Amino acid sequence: MTKLTLSLDKRVAEEAKRLAKRSGRSVSAMFSQFLLAMSRAEEASPDIGPLTRKASGLVSLPEGKTEREVLEEALIEKYGRDV
């Protein structure tokens, strides 16, 4: 494993430690997971906006369903079929 030193604002470092403790992981593990998720999101959809990229990975699709099917079901549930 390679060691990396980061310079952070004290408040950011404290927040990272707090989040890591709350999730039961180390700051290093949390940071690694974040970077890998960002890398996968960028490789999958390099032209998406920052808000969408930030939200990527928060939700998993049900097995056997496409994004379109999930969206379609949500719209039907909200507005009904007759719209």
Protein backbone atom coordinates (compact mmCIF):
# COMPACT_ATOMS: atom_id res chain seq x y z
CA MET A 1 0.00 0.00 0.00
CA THR A 2 1.28 3.48 -0.86
CA LYS A 3 1.17 6.28 1.67
CA LEU A 4 -0.21 9.68 0.62
CA THR A 5 -0.09 12.86 2.65
CA LEU A 6 -2.85 15.44 2.17
CA SER A 7 -3.05 19.01 3.40
CA LEU A 8 -6.52 19.89 4.64
CA ASP A 9 -8.18 22.67 6.51
CA LYS A 10 -8.44 21.63 10.17
CA ARG A 11 -12.24 21.71 10.04
CA VAL A 12 -12.30 19.45 6.96
CA ALA A 13 -9.91 16.98 8.60
CA GLU A 14 -12.08 16.86 11.72
CA GLU A 15 -15.19 16.28 9.62
CA ALA A 16 -13.45 13.47 7.73
CA LYS A 17 -12.53 11.79 11.02
CA ARG A 18 -16.07 12.20 12.33
CA LEU A 19 -17.63 10.70 9.19
CA ALA A 20 -15.16 7.84 9.13
CA LYS A 21 -15.80 6.99 12.77
CA ARG A 22 -19.57 7.13 12.25
CA SER A 23 -19.31 4.74 9.29
CA GLY A 24 -16.90 2.39 11.06
CA ARG A 25 -14.10 2.93 8.53
CA SER A 26 -10.77 4.68 8.53
CA VAL A 27 -10.33 8.02 6.78
CA SER A 28 -8.02 6.24 4.32
CA ALA A 29 -10.66 3.61 3.49
CA MET A 30 -13.36 6.26 3.14
CA PHE A 31 -11.14 8.38 0.88
CA SER A 32 -10.20 5.35 -1.25
CA GLN A 33 -13.84 4.41 -1.71
CA PHE A 34 -14.70 8.00 -2.64
CA LEU A 35 -11.94 8.21 -5.26
CA LEU A 36 -12.85 4.86 -6.81
CA ALA A 37 -16.52 5.89 -6.99
CA MET A 38 -15.62 9.20 -8.62
CA SER A 39 -13.36 7.43 -11.10
CA ARG A 40 -16.07 4.91 -12.04
CA ALA A 41 -18.64 7.67 -12.44
CA GLU A 42 -16.36 9.68 -14.68
CA GLU A 43 -15.47 6.67 -16.83
CA ALA A 44 -19.12 5.66 -17.19
CA SER A 45 -20.49 9.12 -17.98
CA PRO A 46 -17.82 11.75 -18.62
CA ASP A 47 -20.34 14.29 -19.95
CA ILE A 48 -22.73 14.38 -16.98
CA GLY A 49 -22.98 17.42 -14.76
CA PRO A 50 -21.35 17.79 -11.35
CA LEU A 51 -24.59 17.38 -9.39
CA THR A 52 -25.43 14.15 -11.17
CA ARG A 53 -21.87 12.91 -10.78
CA LYS A 54 -22.01 13.72 -7.05
CA ALA A 55 -25.20 11.69 -6.67
CA SER A 56 -23.92 8.69 -8.60
CA GLY A 57 -23.63 5.53 -6.59
CA LEU A 58 -26.26 6.55 -4.06
CA VAL A 59 -28.94 4.26 -5.48
CA SER A 60 -28.77 0.79 -6.97
CA LEU A 61 -31.20 -0.37 -9.64
CA PRO A 62 -33.37 -3.37 -8.83
CA GLU A 63 -31.97 -6.49 -10.45
CA GLY A 64 -33.26 -7.02 -13.97
CA LYS A 65 -34.58 -3.45 -14.41
CA THR A 66 -33.20 -0.71 -16.61
CA GLU A 67 -32.95 2.94 -15.61
CA ARG A 68 -35.78 3.69 -18.04
CA GLU A 69 -38.07 1.06 -16.48
CA VAL A 70 -37.46 2.40 -12.97
CA LEU A 71 -38.13 5.97 -14.13
CA GLU A 72 -41.25 4.89 -16.00
CA GLU A 73 -42.64 3.11 -12.93
CA ALA A 74 -41.95 6.15 -10.73
CA LEU A 75 -43.73 8.48 -13.16
CA ILE A 76 -46.73 6.16 -13.44
CA GLU A 77 -46.91 5.91 -9.65
CA LYS A 78 -46.80 9.69 -9.31
CA TYR A 79 -49.00 10.75 -12.23
CA GLY A 80 -50.93 7.63 -13.26
CA ARG A 81 -51.08 5.98 -16.68
CA ASP A 82 -53.54 8.42 -18.23
CA VAL A 83 -51.16 11.38 -18.37
